[in-house]
């Protein structure tokens, strides 16, 4: 399974990142350009997912009425719910398919960025293991190995992208978790603005909770990973 994932996802993504780095010679700038490229490629899927979410939200009041009317008749409830979806030409799973397509790409992005020796410099696992042994590092910690060997330019705008932001050590690296948490919040906020008008109270409350939890989780995760990742 891992070999198939590497062939279909991480291999092509790694080649793209390596190609970009061959021009920029900057790990940070390469990640930015790489991310923009991937975002543009995934834009049609993101638009489709958003449209599907909006269409589903538009019929929520109708579905809520049906649930009240047929709350004691599950079979009739299912029939009427399906009928509403068909009449409005809405696929309730339409917003999930684009997300399922994007998830492997997101996981692939993480792996490619986290393993710059493998995917940017195209080094073999044996070469990486030998370097790690000499430095007393884990072969999986490729960013740290690259930092010690200085074979990849990890400096960007005065930041060492191999370093991990520390909760107890205030530094300019805090800008990355803070920015990540803020952009996650703003993204959730924009989504809620486009859909909340047709949501029921329970759904709105759930969305508000997600808007609070996801940015906090994003910031926390950023405090446990190298700044470049």
Foldseek 3Di string as FASTA:
>chain_A
DVVVLCVPALVVLLQQLLVQCVPVLELQVSLVVSVVVVCVVLVVLVVQLLVLLQLVLQCQVVLVVLCVVVVPPVVVSVVVVVVVCVVSVHDNCRNVVSVVVCVSNVVSSVQSSQACCCRNVVDDLVVLVVLCVVVVHDSSRNLVSCVVVVPGHQADPNDRQSDAAAPVDDDPLLCQLVVQLVVLLVVLVVSCVSRVVRDDPVVNVVSVVCSVPVSVVSSVVSNVGRSSD
